Amino acid sequence: MSEDVAMIALLALAGFLYGGAYSTWKTARPLAIALGVAGVLATAGAVLYLL
């Protein structure tokens, strides 16, 4: 997989996770926090993959 495809896939995954965290915030806060943390990790992975 090329660098660009992997970075875009990780950023898409992060966006999906952030959306899930936003939508579950009022009903399941622990799950929303876990999804947010996973989104941060996916974003960090995409940024670090470039280096």
C-alpha atoms as a PDB file:
ATOM      1  CA  MET A   1       0.000   0.000   0.000  1.00  0.00           C
ATOM      2  CA  SER A   2       1.430   3.377  -0.908  1.00  0.00           C
ATOM      3  CA  GLU A   3       1.981   6.106   1.671  1.00  0.00           C
ATOM      4  CA  ASP A   4      -0.855   8.274   0.391  1.00  0.00           C
ATOM      5  CA  VAL A   5      -3.440   5.504   0.461  1.00  0.00           C
ATOM      6  CA  ALA A   6      -2.484   4.448   3.977  1.00  0.00           C
ATOM      7  CA  MET A   7      -2.607   8.021   5.257  1.00  0.00           C
ATOM      8  CA  ILE A   8      -5.996   8.666   3.661  1.00  0.00           C
ATOM      9  CA  ALA A   9      -7.348   5.389   5.045  1.00  0.00           C
ATOM     10  CA  LEU A  10      -6.184   6.261   8.565  1.00  0.00           C
ATOM     11  CA  LEU A  11      -7.681   9.747   8.333  1.00  0.00           C
ATOM     12  CA  ALA A  12     -10.965   8.291   7.070  1.00  0.00           C
ATOM     13  CA  LEU A  13     -10.976   5.847   9.972  1.00  0.00           C
ATOM     14  CA  ALA A  14     -10.303   8.715  12.377  1.00  0.00           C
ATOM     15  CA  GLY A  15     -13.217  10.694  10.961  1.00  0.00           C
ATOM     16  CA  PHE A  16     -15.491   7.693  11.302  1.00  0.00           C
ATOM     17  CA  LEU A  17     -14.403   7.242  14.921  1.00  0.00           C
ATOM     18  CA  TYR A  18     -14.892  10.944  15.727  1.00  0.00           C
ATOM     19  CA  GLY A  19     -18.371  10.796  14.246  1.00  0.00           C
ATOM     20  CA  GLY A  20     -19.201   7.770  16.353  1.00  0.00           C
ATOM     21  CA  ALA A  21     -17.909   9.512  19.462  1.00  0.00           C
ATOM     22  CA  TYR A  22     -20.022  12.577  18.715  1.00  0.00           C
ATOM     23  CA  SER A  23     -23.176  10.577  18.081  1.00  0.00           C
ATOM     24  CA  THR A  24     -22.862   8.418  21.214  1.00  0.00           C
ATOM     25  CA  TRP A  25     -21.836  11.182  23.627  1.00  0.00           C
ATOM     26  CA  LYS A  26     -25.260  11.661  25.258  1.00  0.00           C
ATOM     27  CA  THR A  27     -26.167   7.988  25.571  1.00  0.00           C
ATOM     28  CA  ALA A  28     -22.908   6.127  26.257  1.00  0.00           C
ATOM     29  CA  ARG A  29     -20.128   8.397  27.482  1.00  0.00           C
ATOM     30  CA  PRO A  30     -17.514   5.692  28.183  1.00  0.00           C
ATOM     31  CA  LEU A  31     -17.930   4.352  24.647  1.00  0.00           C
ATOM     32  CA  ALA A  32     -17.727   7.874  23.228  1.00  0.00           C
ATOM     33  CA  ILE A  33     -14.510   8.506  25.118  1.00  0.00           C
ATOM     34  CA  ALA A  34     -13.041   5.238  23.871  1.00  0.00           C
ATOM     35  CA  LEU A  35     -13.991   6.108  20.285  1.00  0.00           C
ATOM     36  CA  GLY A  36     -12.449   9.557  20.680  1.00  0.00           C
ATOM     37  CA  VAL A  37      -9.211   8.085  21.984  1.00  0.00           C
ATOM     38  CA  ALA A  38      -9.134   5.625  19.088  1.00  0.00           C
ATOM     39  CA  GLY A  39      -9.699   8.539  16.703  1.00  0.00           C
ATOM     40  CA  VAL A  40      -6.781  10.433  18.205  1.00  0.00           C
ATOM     41  CA  LEU A  41      -4.589   7.357  17.826  1.00  0.00           C
ATOM     42  CA  ALA A  42      -5.633   6.935  14.186  1.00  0.00           C
ATOM     43  CA  THR A  43      -4.880  10.604  13.489  1.00  0.00           C
ATOM     44  CA  ALA A  44      -1.503  10.321  15.192  1.00  0.00           C
ATOM     45  CA  GLY A  45      -0.762   7.202  13.186  1.00  0.00           C
ATOM     46  CA  ALA A  46      -1.552   8.995   9.944  1.00  0.00           C
ATOM     47  CA  VAL A  47       0.695  11.908  10.838  1.00  0.00           C
ATOM     48  CA  LEU A  48       3.539   9.715  12.032  1.00  0.00           C
ATOM     49  CA  TYR A  49       3.249   7.504   8.943  1.00  0.00           C
ATOM     50  CA  LEU A  50       4.399  10.468   6.868  1.00  0.00           C
ATOM     51  CA  LEU A  51       7.583  10.870   8.880  1.00  0.00           C
END
